[in-house]
């Protein structure tokens, strides 16, 4: 009979340790997510890349990733804009990213397009304009979610394993397929959908854009 309390104590100790481990893991995941939210936004360019290559394969681009306080769309919203480095008025890409926590130390980046791009062309220079953004103003690239995962030096991101398929109206559009974020260095891989609108998750390092943070 004297062994029963010892068994109960051992069981209770095991449950307590498991609970503590789960709490610590959750706390670590929350810290990782906060780190991504703090590290990803900023003003970037790939001028070092374009100045060092002779092929002219990559265009010189200014990339801006800014957090938005637009609760009508989501809690963790980012406005993403790419412009030509030699002419900031020439808009190349503008999108909305909405981030959320997933399971097992992964974070989901949902990608949205503006239904009326012309209406939002100056949104990057007019914060008040973004306050009028509604869910009906954007459309999601369904199946093209990007999963961010913490690494020892930062974060890495990739399309979901099954890839994504865009609508016919999105043909010719560049879709982000992979990324790495290490401090002030952000590398992004993009691909165009094929004739069927399908985008494969495999990244081609030769096509990657290497951005460096310049501010923000």
N, C-alpha and C. Protein backbone atom coordinates (compact mmCIF):
# COMPACT_ATOMS: atom_id res chain seq x y z
N UNK A 1 0.82 -1.21 0.00
CA UNK A 1 0.00 0.00 0.00
C UNK A 1 0.86 1.27 0.00
N UNK A 2 2.04 1.13 0.58
CA UNK A 2 2.88 2.33 0.67
C UNK A 2 3.41 2.78 -0.68
N UNK A 3 3.35 1.88 -1.70
CA UNK A 3 3.87 2.22 -3.02
C UNK A 3 2.90 3.10 -3.82
N UNK A 4 1.62 3.07 -3.44
CA UNK A 4 0.62 3.81 -4.21
C UNK A 4 0.89 5.31 -4.19
N UNK A 5 1.15 5.92 -3.03
CA UNK A 5 1.46 7.36 -3.04
C UNK A 5 2.67 7.69 -3.88
N UNK A 6 3.68 6.79 -3.89
CA UNK A 6 4.87 7.03 -4.71
C UNK A 6 4.53 7.02 -6.19
N UNK A 7 3.67 6.08 -6.58
CA UNK A 7 3.24 6.00 -7.98
C UNK A 7 2.47 7.24 -8.38
N UNK A 8 1.55 7.65 -7.48
CA UNK A 8 0.76 8.85 -7.76
C UNK A 8 1.65 10.08 -7.85
N UNK A 9 2.67 10.13 -6.99
CA UNK A 9 3.60 11.26 -7.02
C UNK A 9 4.37 11.28 -8.35
N UNK A 10 4.81 10.09 -8.79
CA UNK A 10 5.56 10.01 -10.04
C UNK A 10 4.69 10.42 -11.23
N UNK A 11 3.42 9.97 -11.21
CA UNK A 11 2.50 10.34 -12.28
C UNK A 11 2.27 11.84 -12.28
N UNK A 12 2.04 12.38 -11.07
CA UNK A 12 1.81 13.82 -10.96
C UNK A 12 3.01 14.63 -11.41
N UNK A 13 4.21 14.15 -11.06
CA UNK A 13 5.44 14.83 -11.47
C UNK A 13 5.59 14.80 -12.98
N UNK A 14 5.28 13.64 -13.59
CA UNK A 14 5.36 13.54 -15.04
C UNK A 14 4.41 14.48 -15.75
N UNK A 15 3.19 14.56 -15.24
CA UNK A 15 2.21 15.47 -15.84
C UNK A 15 2.64 16.92 -15.68
N UNK A 16 3.21 17.25 -14.51
CA UNK A 16 3.67 18.61 -14.27
C UNK A 16 4.80 18.99 -15.22
N UNK A 17 5.75 18.07 -15.41
CA UNK A 17 6.87 18.34 -16.31
C UNK A 17 6.39 18.49 -17.75
N UNK A 18 5.43 17.64 -18.14
CA UNK A 18 4.88 17.74 -19.50
C UNK A 18 4.17 19.06 -19.70
N UNK A 19 3.43 19.49 -18.67
CA UNK A 19 2.72 20.78 -18.76
C UNK A 19 3.70 21.93 -18.85
N UNK A 20 4.78 21.86 -18.06
CA UNK A 20 5.79 22.91 -18.10
C UNK A 20 6.48 22.96 -19.47
N UNK A 21 6.75 21.79 -20.04
CA UNK A 21 7.39 21.73 -21.36
C UNK A 21 6.48 22.32 -22.43
N UNK A 22 5.17 22.01 -22.34
CA UNK A 22 4.22 22.54 -23.31
C UNK A 22 4.11 24.06 -23.19
N UNK A 23 4.11 24.55 -21.94
CA UNK A 23 4.03 26.00 -21.73
C UNK A 23 5.28 26.70 -22.25
N UNK A 24 6.44 26.08 -22.02
CA UNK A 24 7.69 26.66 -22.51
C UNK A 24 7.72 26.68 -24.03
N UNK A 25 7.22 25.61 -24.66
CA UNK A 25 7.20 25.53 -26.11
C UNK A 25 6.27 26.59 -26.69
N UNK A 26 5.12 26.79 -26.03
CA UNK A 26 4.18 27.80 -26.50
C UNK A 26 4.77 29.20 -26.36
N UNK A 27 5.46 29.43 -25.25
CA UNK A 27 6.09 30.73 -25.03
C UNK A 27 7.17 30.99 -26.08
N UNK A 28 7.93 29.94 -26.42
CA UNK A 28 8.96 30.08 -27.44
C UNK A 28 8.34 30.40 -28.79
N UNK A 29 7.24 29.74 -29.12
CA UNK A 29 6.58 29.98 -30.40
C UNK A 29 6.04 31.40 -30.48
N UNK A 30 5.48 31.90 -29.37
CA UNK A 30 4.98 33.27 -29.34
C UNK A 30 6.12 34.26 -29.56
N UNK A 31 7.27 33.98 -28.94
CA UNK A 31 8.43 34.87 -29.09
C UNK A 31 8.93 34.86 -30.53
N UNK A 32 8.92 33.69 -31.16
CA UNK A 32 9.35 33.58 -32.55
C UNK A 32 8.42 34.38 -33.47
N UNK A 33 7.14 34.31 -33.21
CA UNK A 33 6.17 35.02 -34.05
C UNK A 33 6.35 36.53 -33.89
N UNK A 34 6.55 36.98 -32.67
CA UNK A 34 6.79 38.40 -32.43
C UNK A 34 8.06 38.85 -33.15
N UNK A 35 9.08 37.99 -33.13
CA UNK A 35 10.34 38.33 -33.80
C UNK A 35 10.14 38.49 -35.30
N UNK A 36 9.32 37.62 -35.90
CA UNK A 36 9.03 37.74 -37.34
C UNK A 36 8.30 39.03 -37.63
N UNK A 37 7.32 39.36 -36.80
CA UNK A 37 6.54 40.58 -37.01
C UNK A 37 7.40 41.83 -36.88
N UNK A 38 8.43 41.76 -36.06
CA UNK A 38 9.31 42.91 -35.87
C UNK A 38 10.39 42.99 -36.95
N UNK A 39 10.83 41.83 -37.43
CA UNK A 39 11.97 41.79 -38.33
C UNK A 39 11.59 41.97 -39.79
N UNK A 40 10.46 41.43 -40.20
CA UNK A 40 10.09 41.43 -41.62
C UNK A 40 9.79 42.82 -42.17
N UNK A 41 9.01 43.67 -41.51
CA UNK A 41 8.72 44.99 -42.08
C UNK A 41 9.97 45.85 -42.25
N UNK A 42 9.96 46.69 -43.29
CA UNK A 42 11.08 47.59 -43.52
C UNK A 42 11.14 48.03 -44.97
N UNK A 43 12.13 48.85 -45.27
CA UNK A 43 12.39 49.32 -46.63
C UNK A 43 13.66 48.63 -47.13
N UNK A 44 13.55 47.96 -48.27
CA UNK A 44 14.66 47.19 -48.80
C UNK A 44 14.96 47.60 -50.25
N UNK A 45 16.16 47.25 -50.72
CA UNK A 45 16.46 47.33 -52.15
C UNK A 45 17.49 46.26 -52.50
N UNK A 46 17.61 45.97 -53.77
CA UNK A 46 18.57 44.96 -54.25
C UNK A 46 19.68 45.60 -55.08
N UNK A 47 20.03 46.85 -54.77
CA UNK A 47 21.02 47.57 -55.57
C UNK A 47 22.38 46.90 -55.53
N UNK A 48 22.76 46.33 -54.39
CA UNK A 48 24.05 45.64 -54.31
C UNK A 48 24.08 44.46 -55.28
N UNK A 49 22.98 43.79 -55.43
CA UNK A 49 22.90 42.66 -56.35
C UNK A 49 23.01 43.11 -57.80
N UNK A 50 22.24 44.12 -58.17
CA UNK A 50 22.23 44.56 -59.57
C UNK A 50 23.54 45.23 -59.98
N UNK A 51 24.21 45.87 -59.03
CA UNK A 51 25.47 46.53 -59.35
C UNK A 51 26.61 45.55 -59.53
N UNK A 52 26.46 44.35 -58.94
CA UNK A 52 27.55 43.38 -59.00
C UNK A 52 27.40 42.38 -60.15
N UNK A 53 26.24 42.35 -60.80
CA UNK A 53 26.05 41.40 -61.88
C UNK A 53 26.13 42.09 -63.23
N UNK A 54 26.67 41.38 -64.20
CA UNK A 54 26.86 41.93 -65.54
C UNK A 54 25.73 41.55 -66.48
N UNK A 55 24.98 40.53 -66.13
CA UNK A 55 23.95 40.03 -67.05
C UNK A 55 22.72 40.93 -67.11
N UNK A 56 22.50 41.73 -66.07
CA UNK A 56 21.29 42.54 -66.03
C UNK A 56 20.04 41.71 -65.86
N UNK A 57 20.19 40.53 -65.29
CA UNK A 57 19.07 39.60 -65.14
C UNK A 57 18.02 40.12 -64.17
N UNK A 58 18.47 40.84 -63.16
CA UNK A 58 17.55 41.33 -62.15
C UNK A 58 17.34 42.84 -62.29
N UNK A 59 16.11 43.26 -62.18
CA UNK A 59 15.80 44.68 -62.19
C UNK A 59 16.12 45.27 -60.82
N UNK A 60 16.47 46.53 -60.80
CA UNK A 60 16.73 47.22 -59.54
C UNK A 60 15.38 47.61 -58.93
N UNK A 61 15.13 47.12 -57.73
CA UNK A 61 13.80 47.24 -57.12
C UNK A 61 13.90 47.79 -55.70
N UNK A 62 12.95 48.61 -55.35
CA UNK A 62 12.77 49.03 -53.96
C UNK A 62 11.56 48.28 -53.41
N UNK A 63 11.76 47.59 -52.32
CA UNK A 63 10.71 46.79 -51.68
C UNK A 63 10.35 47.42 -50.35
N UNK A 64 9.07 47.66 -50.17
CA UNK A 64 8.57 48.23 -48.92
C UNK A 64 7.56 47.28 -48.30
N UNK A 65 7.77 46.93 -47.04
CA UNK A 65 6.85 46.07 -46.29
C UNK A 65 6.45 46.82 -45.04
N UNK A 66 5.20 47.24 -44.97
CA UNK A 66 4.74 48.10 -43.88
C UNK A 66 3.55 47.48 -43.15
N UNK A 67 3.56 47.52 -41.82
CA UNK A 67 2.39 47.03 -41.07
C UNK A 67 1.22 47.99 -41.21
N UNK A 68 0.02 47.45 -41.26
CA UNK A 68 -1.19 48.25 -41.37
C UNK A 68 -2.10 47.96 -40.19
N UNK A 69 -2.72 49.00 -39.67
CA UNK A 69 -3.72 48.84 -38.62
C UNK A 69 -5.09 48.93 -39.26
N UNK A 70 -5.48 47.82 -39.89
CA UNK A 70 -6.76 47.76 -40.59
C UNK A 70 -7.52 46.55 -40.07
N UNK A 71 -8.23 46.73 -38.97
CA UNK A 71 -8.89 45.62 -38.30
C UNK A 71 -10.01 45.01 -39.15
N UNK A 72 -10.51 45.77 -40.10
CA UNK A 72 -11.58 45.24 -40.96
C UNK A 72 -11.09 44.11 -41.85
N UNK A 73 -9.78 44.07 -42.10
CA UNK A 73 -9.19 43.06 -42.98
C UNK A 73 -8.55 41.93 -42.18
N UNK A 74 -7.87 42.27 -41.10
CA UNK A 74 -7.20 41.26 -40.29
C UNK A 74 -6.44 41.92 -39.16
N UNK A 75 -5.95 41.07 -38.24
CA UNK A 75 -5.22 41.59 -37.09
C UNK A 75 -3.77 41.93 -37.41
N UNK A 76 -3.13 41.09 -38.22
CA UNK A 76 -1.71 41.26 -38.53
C UNK A 76 -1.56 41.42 -40.03
N UNK A 77 -1.65 42.66 -40.49
CA UNK A 77 -1.72 42.97 -41.92
C UNK A 77 -0.46 43.74 -42.34
N UNK A 78 0.09 43.36 -43.50
CA UNK A 78 1.24 44.05 -44.07
C UNK A 78 0.91 44.50 -45.48
N UNK A 79 1.33 45.73 -45.80
CA UNK A 79 1.19 46.24 -47.16
C UNK A 79 2.55 46.10 -47.84
N UNK A 80 2.58 45.43 -48.98
CA UNK A 80 3.83 45.13 -49.68
C UNK A 80 3.81 45.84 -51.03
N UNK A 81 4.87 46.60 -51.29
CA UNK A 81 4.94 47.35 -52.54
C UNK A 81 6.35 47.26 -53.12
N UNK A 82 6.42 47.03 -54.43
CA UNK A 82 7.70 47.06 -55.14
C UNK A 82 7.63 48.15 -56.20
N UNK A 83 8.67 48.99 -56.23
CA UNK A 83 8.75 50.05 -57.24
C UNK A 83 10.12 49.99 -57.90
N UNK A 84 10.22 50.59 -59.08
CA UNK A 84 11.50 50.65 -59.78
C UNK A 84 12.46 51.55 -59.01
N UNK A 85 13.70 51.10 -58.83
CA UNK A 85 14.65 51.87 -58.04
C UNK A 85 14.99 53.21 -58.69
N UNK A 86 14.93 53.26 -60.02
CA UNK A 86 15.27 54.51 -60.71
C UNK A 86 14.06 55.42 -60.90
N UNK A 87 12.89 54.94 -60.50
CA UNK A 87 11.66 55.75 -60.61
C UNK A 87 10.63 55.24 -59.60
N UNK A 88 10.68 55.73 -58.37
CA UNK A 88 9.77 55.26 -57.32
C UNK A 88 8.30 55.41 -57.67
N UNK A 89 7.99 56.24 -58.68
CA UNK A 89 6.59 56.40 -59.07
C UNK A 89 6.10 55.24 -59.93
N UNK A 90 7.04 54.44 -60.43
CA UNK A 90 6.66 53.30 -61.29
C UNK A 90 6.40 52.07 -60.41
N UNK A 91 5.13 51.81 -60.19
CA UNK A 91 4.73 50.72 -59.32
C UNK A 91 4.82 49.39 -60.06
N UNK A 92 5.50 48.42 -59.46
CA UNK A 92 5.65 47.10 -60.05
C UNK A 92 4.71 46.07 -59.43
N UNK A 93 4.62 46.09 -58.12
CA UNK A 93 3.79 45.12 -57.39
C UNK A 93 3.22 45.78 -56.14
N UNK A 94 1.98 45.48 -55.84
CA UNK A 94 1.43 45.86 -54.54
C UNK A 94 0.48 44.76 -54.08
N UNK A 95 0.66 44.33 -52.85
CA UNK A 95 -0.12 43.23 -52.31
C UNK A 95 -0.38 43.44 -50.82
N UNK A 96 -1.26 42.63 -50.32
CA UNK A 96 -1.53 42.60 -48.89
C UNK A 96 -1.13 41.22 -48.38
N UNK A 97 -0.35 41.20 -47.31
CA UNK A 97 -0.05 39.96 -46.61
C UNK A 97 -0.76 39.96 -45.27
N UNK A 98 -1.37 38.87 -44.92
CA UNK A 98 -1.96 38.71 -43.60
C UNK A 98 -1.30 37.51 -42.94
N UNK A 99 -0.71 37.74 -41.78
CA UNK A 99 0.04 36.70 -41.09
C UNK A 99 -0.77 36.11 -39.94
N UNK A 100 -0.58 34.84 -39.71
CA UNK A 100 -1.19 34.18 -38.56
C UNK A 100 -0.32 33.02 -38.11
N UNK A 101 -0.47 32.65 -36.87
CA UNK A 101 0.29 31.53 -36.34
C UNK A 101 -0.34 30.22 -36.78
N UNK A 102 0.52 29.27 -37.12
CA UNK A 102 0.06 27.92 -37.43
C UNK A 102 0.58 26.99 -36.34
N UNK A 103 0.66 25.72 -36.62
CA UNK A 103 1.15 24.77 -35.64
C UNK A 103 2.63 24.46 -35.88
N UNK A 104 3.25 23.92 -34.84
CA UNK A 104 4.62 23.41 -34.94
C UNK A 104 5.59 24.47 -35.43
N UNK A 105 5.54 25.65 -34.81
CA UNK A 105 6.51 26.72 -35.07
C UNK A 105 6.51 27.15 -36.54
N UNK A 106 5.36 27.21 -37.14
CA UNK A 106 5.22 27.75 -38.49
C UNK A 106 4.19 28.86 -38.48
N UNK A 107 4.41 29.83 -39.36
CA UNK A 107 3.54 30.99 -39.45
C UNK A 107 3.09 31.15 -40.90
N UNK A 108 1.82 31.39 -41.10
CA UNK A 108 1.24 31.42 -42.44
C UNK A 108 1.16 32.86 -42.97
N UNK A 109 1.61 33.04 -44.18
CA UNK A 109 1.48 34.32 -44.88
C UNK A 109 0.44 34.16 -45.98
N UNK A 110 -0.74 34.73 -45.78
CA UNK A 110 -1.79 34.72 -46.79
C UNK A 110 -1.57 35.91 -47.72
N UNK A 111 -1.66 35.68 -49.00
CA UNK A 111 -1.37 36.71 -50.00
C UNK A 111 -2.68 37.16 -50.65
N UNK A 112 -2.86 38.48 -50.72
CA UNK A 112 -4.07 39.06 -51.31
C UNK A 112 -3.68 40.07 -52.38
N UNK A 113 -4.51 40.15 -53.43
CA UNK A 113 -4.35 41.13 -54.50
C UNK A 113 -5.46 42.16 -54.42
N UNK A 114 -5.18 43.35 -54.89
CA UNK A 114 -6.20 44.38 -54.96
C UNK A 114 -7.09 44.14 -56.17
N UNK A 115 -8.40 44.18 -55.98
CA UNK A 115 -9.32 43.97 -57.09
C UNK A 115 -9.29 45.14 -58.06
N UNK A 116 -9.06 46.34 -57.55
CA UNK A 116 -8.96 47.54 -58.40
C UNK A 116 -7.59 48.18 -58.15
N UNK A 117 -6.54 47.65 -58.76
CA UNK A 117 -5.18 48.13 -58.49
C UNK A 117 -5.00 49.63 -58.68
N UNK A 118 -5.65 50.19 -59.70
CA UNK A 118 -5.48 51.62 -59.97
C UNK A 118 -5.95 52.48 -58.80
N UNK A 119 -6.96 52.03 -58.13
CA UNK A 119 -7.52 52.80 -57.01
C UNK A 119 -6.52 52.92 -55.85
N UNK A 120 -5.63 51.92 -55.74
CA UNK A 120 -4.72 51.87 -54.60
C UNK A 120 -3.27 52.17 -54.98
N UNK A 121 -3.06 52.72 -56.15
CA UNK A 121 -1.69 52.96 -56.64
C UNK A 121 -0.89 53.85 -55.70
N UNK A 122 -1.53 54.80 -55.04
CA UNK A 122 -0.82 55.76 -54.18
C UNK A 122 -1.01 55.44 -52.70
N UNK A 123 -1.43 54.21 -52.43
CA UNK A 123 -1.68 53.84 -51.04
C UNK A 123 -0.41 53.89 -50.19
N UNK A 124 0.73 53.60 -50.81
CA UNK A 124 1.98 53.63 -50.06
C UNK A 124 2.36 55.00 -49.59
N UNK A 125 1.86 56.03 -50.25
CA UNK A 125 2.17 57.41 -49.86
C UNK A 125 1.01 58.08 -49.14
N UNK A 126 -0.09 57.36 -48.98
CA UNK A 126 -1.28 57.94 -48.37
C UNK A 126 -1.84 56.96 -47.33
N UNK A 127 -1.32 56.99 -46.09
CA UNK A 127 -1.77 56.06 -45.06
C UNK A 127 -3.28 56.13 -44.80
N UNK A 128 -3.85 57.31 -44.97
CA UNK A 128 -5.29 57.45 -44.70
C UNK A 128 -6.12 56.65 -45.69
N UNK A 129 -5.60 56.50 -46.91
CA UNK A 129 -6.33 55.74 -47.92
C UNK A 129 -6.50 54.29 -47.47
N UNK A 130 -5.49 53.74 -46.84
CA UNK A 130 -5.55 52.35 -46.39
C UNK A 130 -6.59 52.13 -45.29
N UNK A 131 -6.94 53.17 -44.57
CA UNK A 131 -7.92 53.02 -43.51
C UNK A 131 -9.30 52.69 -44.06
N UNK A 132 -9.50 52.91 -45.35
CA UNK A 132 -10.79 52.60 -45.97
C UNK A 132 -10.82 51.20 -46.58
N UNK A 133 -9.73 50.45 -46.43
CA UNK A 133 -9.64 49.12 -47.03
C UNK A 133 -10.64 48.16 -46.38
N UNK A 134 -11.38 47.45 -47.23
CA UNK A 134 -12.38 46.49 -46.77
C UNK A 134 -12.10 45.11 -47.37
N UNK A 135 -12.62 44.05 -46.78
CA UNK A 135 -12.40 42.71 -47.34
C UNK A 135 -12.81 42.58 -48.80
N UNK A 136 -13.84 43.31 -49.22
CA UNK A 136 -14.29 43.23 -50.61
C UNK A 136 -13.32 43.89 -51.59
N UNK A 137 -12.34 44.64 -51.07
CA UNK A 137 -11.38 45.32 -51.94
C UNK A 137 -10.22 44.43 -52.35
N UNK A 138 -10.09 43.27 -51.73
CA UNK A 138 -8.96 42.39 -52.02
C UNK A 138 -9.45 40.97 -52.28
N UNK A 139 -8.65 40.20 -52.99
CA UNK A 139 -8.97 38.80 -53.26
C UNK A 139 -7.75 37.94 -52.92
N UNK A 140 -7.98 36.83 -52.29
CA UNK A 140 -6.88 35.98 -51.83
C UNK A 140 -6.39 35.07 -52.94
N UNK A 141 -5.08 34.87 -52.99
CA UNK A 141 -4.50 33.86 -53.86
C UNK A 141 -4.62 32.53 -53.12
N UNK A 142 -5.74 31.89 -53.28
CA UNK A 142 -6.06 30.68 -52.54
C UNK A 142 -5.08 29.56 -52.89
N UNK A 143 -4.55 28.90 -51.87
CA UNK A 143 -3.60 27.82 -52.09
C UNK A 143 -2.17 28.30 -52.25
N UNK A 144 -1.97 29.61 -52.28
CA UNK A 144 -0.62 30.17 -52.47
C UNK A 144 -0.05 30.72 -51.17
N UNK A 145 -0.49 30.15 -50.05
CA UNK A 145 0.01 30.60 -48.77
C UNK A 145 1.48 30.21 -48.62
N UNK A 146 2.21 31.06 -47.94
CA UNK A 146 3.63 30.83 -47.68
C UNK A 146 3.81 30.53 -46.20
N UNK A 147 4.58 29.50 -45.90
CA UNK A 147 4.83 29.10 -44.52
C UNK A 147 6.21 29.58 -44.08
N UNK A 148 6.25 30.40 -43.02
CA UNK A 148 7.51 30.87 -42.45
C UNK A 148 7.89 29.97 -41.28
N UNK A 149 9.18 29.61 -41.22
CA UNK A 149 9.69 28.74 -40.16
C UNK A 149 10.95 29.35 -39.57
N UNK A 150 11.06 29.40 -38.25
CA UNK A 150 12.28 29.94 -37.63
C UNK A 150 13.50 29.08 -37.92
N UNK A 151 14.66 29.72 -38.04
CA UNK A 151 15.93 29.02 -38.18
C UNK A 151 16.88 29.56 -37.10
N UNK A 152 18.10 29.05 -37.08
CA UNK A 152 19.08 29.50 -36.10
C UNK A 152 19.48 30.96 -36.32
N UNK A 153 19.34 31.44 -37.56
CA UNK A 153 19.79 32.80 -37.89
C UNK A 153 18.66 33.75 -38.28
N UNK A 154 17.44 33.25 -38.39
CA UNK A 154 16.33 34.10 -38.81
C UNK A 154 15.11 33.28 -39.14
N UNK A 155 14.67 33.39 -40.41
CA UNK A 155 13.47 32.67 -40.84
C UNK A 155 13.64 32.21 -42.29
N UNK A 156 12.96 31.15 -42.62
CA UNK A 156 12.87 30.70 -44.01
C UNK A 156 11.41 30.50 -44.35
N UNK A 157 11.06 30.67 -45.62
CA UNK A 157 9.65 30.56 -46.03
C UNK A 157 9.56 29.79 -47.33
N UNK A 158 8.43 29.12 -47.51
CA UNK A 158 8.21 28.35 -48.74
C UNK A 158 6.72 28.16 -48.96
N UNK A 159 6.34 27.98 -50.22
CA UNK A 159 4.96 27.65 -50.54
C UNK A 159 4.56 26.36 -49.85
N UNK A 160 3.27 26.20 -49.62
CA UNK A 160 2.80 24.91 -49.12
C UNK A 160 3.23 23.82 -50.09
N UNK A 161 3.50 22.62 -49.59
CA UNK A 161 4.05 21.55 -50.44
C UNK A 161 3.27 21.27 -51.72
N UNK A 162 1.94 21.42 -51.68
CA UNK A 162 1.15 21.09 -52.87
C UNK A 162 1.20 22.19 -53.92
N UNK A 163 1.90 23.30 -53.64
CA UNK A 163 1.97 24.39 -54.60
C UNK A 163 0.65 25.15 -54.66
N UNK A 164 0.52 26.04 -55.63
CA UNK A 164 -0.72 26.81 -55.74
C UNK A 164 -1.13 26.91 -57.20
N UNK A 165 -2.38 27.23 -57.40
CA UNK A 165 -2.92 27.39 -58.76
C UNK A 165 -3.69 28.71 -58.79
N UNK A 166 -3.26 29.60 -59.65
CA UNK A 166 -3.88 30.91 -59.73
C UNK A 166 -5.00 30.93 -60.76
N UNK A 167 -5.80 31.98 -60.71
CA UNK A 167 -6.86 32.16 -61.69
C UNK A 167 -6.25 32.58 -63.03
N UNK A 168 -7.01 32.40 -64.10
CA UNK A 168 -6.51 32.75 -65.43
C UNK A 168 -6.14 34.23 -65.51
N UNK A 169 -6.85 35.06 -64.74
CA UNK A 169 -6.58 36.50 -64.76
C UNK A 169 -5.24 36.84 -64.14
N UNK A 170 -4.63 35.87 -63.44
CA UNK A 170 -3.35 36.10 -62.79
C UNK A 170 -2.17 35.65 -63.63
N UNK A 171 -2.42 35.21 -64.85
CA UNK A 171 -1.33 34.73 -65.70
C UNK A 171 -0.32 35.86 -65.93
N UNK A 172 0.94 35.49 -65.90
CA UNK A 172 2.00 36.48 -66.06
C UNK A 172 2.43 37.11 -64.76
N UNK A 173 1.68 36.91 -63.71
CA UNK A 173 2.00 37.49 -62.42
C UNK A 173 3.10 36.68 -61.74
N UNK A 174 3.99 37.34 -61.02
CA UNK A 174 5.01 36.67 -60.26
C UNK A 174 4.46 36.30 -58.89
N UNK A 175 4.63 35.03 -58.52
CA UNK A 175 4.14 34.53 -57.25
C UNK A 175 5.34 34.18 -56.37
N UNK A 176 5.32 34.65 -55.15
CA UNK A 176 6.41 34.34 -54.23
C UNK A 176 6.37 32.85 -53.88
N UNK A 177 7.50 32.18 -54.04
CA UNK A 177 7.56 30.75 -53.76
C UNK A 177 8.47 30.40 -52.59
N UNK A 178 9.43 31.26 -52.28
CA UNK A 178 10.35 30.97 -51.18
C UNK A 178 11.01 32.27 -50.73
N UNK A 179 11.51 32.27 -49.51
CA UNK A 179 12.20 33.44 -48.97
C UNK A 179 13.07 33.04 -47.79
N UNK A 180 14.08 33.82 -47.54
CA UNK A 180 14.87 33.69 -46.32
C UNK A 180 15.08 35.08 -45.75
N UNK A 181 15.05 35.18 -44.44
CA UNK A 181 15.23 36.45 -43.75
C UNK A 181 16.27 36.25 -42.67
N UNK A 182 17.42 36.90 -42.84
CA UNK A 182 18.50 36.83 -41.87
C UNK A 182 18.95 38.24 -41.54
N UNK A 183 18.50 38.76 -40.42
CA UNK A 183 18.86 40.13 -40.05
C UNK A 183 18.31 41.12 -41.05
N UNK A 184 19.20 41.87 -41.70
CA UNK A 184 18.78 42.88 -42.67
C UNK A 184 18.76 42.35 -44.10
N UNK A 185 19.02 41.07 -44.28
CA UNK A 185 19.06 40.46 -45.61
C UNK A 185 17.80 39.64 -45.86
N UNK A 186 17.12 39.96 -46.94
CA UNK A 186 15.89 39.26 -47.33
C UNK A 186 16.05 38.77 -48.76
N UNK A 187 15.97 37.47 -48.96
CA UNK A 187 16.04 36.87 -50.29
C UNK A 187 14.67 36.33 -50.65
N UNK A 188 14.20 36.66 -51.86
CA UNK A 188 12.87 36.24 -52.29
C UNK A 188 12.95 35.58 -53.66
N UNK A 189 12.30 34.44 -53.78
CA UNK A 189 12.17 33.75 -55.06
C UNK A 189 10.74 33.89 -55.56
N UNK A 190 10.59 34.18 -56.83
CA UNK A 190 9.26 34.32 -57.42
C UNK A 190 9.20 33.54 -58.73
N UNK A 191 8.01 33.06 -59.07
CA UNK A 191 7.80 32.35 -60.32
C UNK A 191 6.52 32.81 -60.98
N UNK A 192 6.48 32.65 -62.29
CA UNK A 192 5.25 32.91 -63.03
C UNK A 192 4.44 31.61 -63.12
N UNK A 193 3.12 31.68 -63.01
CA UNK A 193 2.29 30.48 -63.21
C UNK A 193 2.45 29.96 -64.63
N UNK A 194 2.33 28.65 -64.80
CA UNK A 194 2.39 28.08 -66.14
C UNK A 194 1.05 28.28 -66.85
N UNK A 195 0.90 27.66 -68.02
CA UNK A 195 -0.31 27.85 -68.82
C UNK A 195 -1.58 27.45 -68.07
N UNK A 196 -1.44 26.49 -67.15
CA UNK A 196 -2.59 26.06 -66.37
C UNK A 196 -2.79 26.84 -65.09
N UNK A 197 -1.95 27.86 -64.88
CA UNK A 197 -2.06 28.66 -63.67
C UNK A 197 -1.38 28.03 -62.47
N UNK A 198 -0.61 26.96 -62.68
CA UNK A 198 0.01 26.24 -61.58
C UNK A 198 1.39 26.81 -61.28
N UNK A 199 1.71 26.90 -59.99
CA UNK A 199 3.02 27.36 -59.55
C UNK A 199 3.63 26.25 -58.70
N UNK A 200 4.81 25.80 -59.07
CA UNK A 200 5.46 24.74 -58.30
C UNK A 200 6.26 25.36 -57.15
N UNK A 201 6.40 24.62 -56.06
CA UNK A 201 7.09 25.17 -54.89
C UNK A 201 8.61 25.22 -55.01
N UNK A 202 9.18 24.56 -56.03
CA UNK A 202 10.63 24.55 -56.15
C UNK A 202 11.15 25.95 -56.49
N UNK A 203 12.19 26.37 -55.78
CA UNK A 203 12.77 27.69 -56.00
C UNK A 203 14.02 27.58 -56.86
N UNK A 204 14.21 28.53 -57.76
CA UNK A 204 15.40 28.59 -58.60
C UNK A 204 16.31 29.68 -58.03
N UNK A 205 17.42 29.29 -57.38
CA UNK A 205 18.30 30.29 -56.75
C UNK A 205 18.79 31.36 -57.72
N UNK A 206 18.93 31.01 -58.99
CA UNK A 206 19.44 31.97 -59.97
C UNK A 206 18.48 33.13 -60.18
N UNK A 207 17.20 32.90 -59.90
CA UNK A 207 16.20 33.94 -60.11
C UNK A 207 15.92 34.75 -58.85
N UNK A 208 16.57 34.42 -57.76
CA UNK A 208 16.27 35.06 -56.48
C UNK A 208 16.69 36.52 -56.47
N UNK A 209 15.89 37.32 -55.79
CA UNK A 209 16.20 38.73 -55.55
C UNK A 209 16.77 38.85 -54.14
N UNK A 210 17.95 39.47 -54.06
CA UNK A 210 18.61 39.63 -52.76
C UNK A 210 18.46 41.07 -52.29
N UNK A 211 17.62 41.26 -51.30
CA UNK A 211 17.34 42.60 -50.79
C UNK A 211 18.12 42.85 -49.50
N UNK A 212 18.44 44.13 -49.29
CA UNK A 212 19.05 44.57 -48.04
C UNK A 212 18.20 45.68 -47.45
N UNK A 213 18.02 45.61 -46.14
CA UNK A 213 17.21 46.62 -45.47
C UNK A 213 17.97 47.95 -45.46
N UNK A 214 17.25 49.01 -45.82
CA UNK A 214 17.82 50.35 -45.81
C UNK A 214 17.14 51.27 -44.80
N UNK A 215 16.06 50.79 -44.21
CA UNK A 215 15.35 51.61 -43.25
C UNK A 215 14.06 50.95 -42.84
N UNK A 216 13.26 51.65 -42.05
CA UNK A 216 11.99 51.12 -41.62
C UNK A 216 12.11 50.25 -40.39
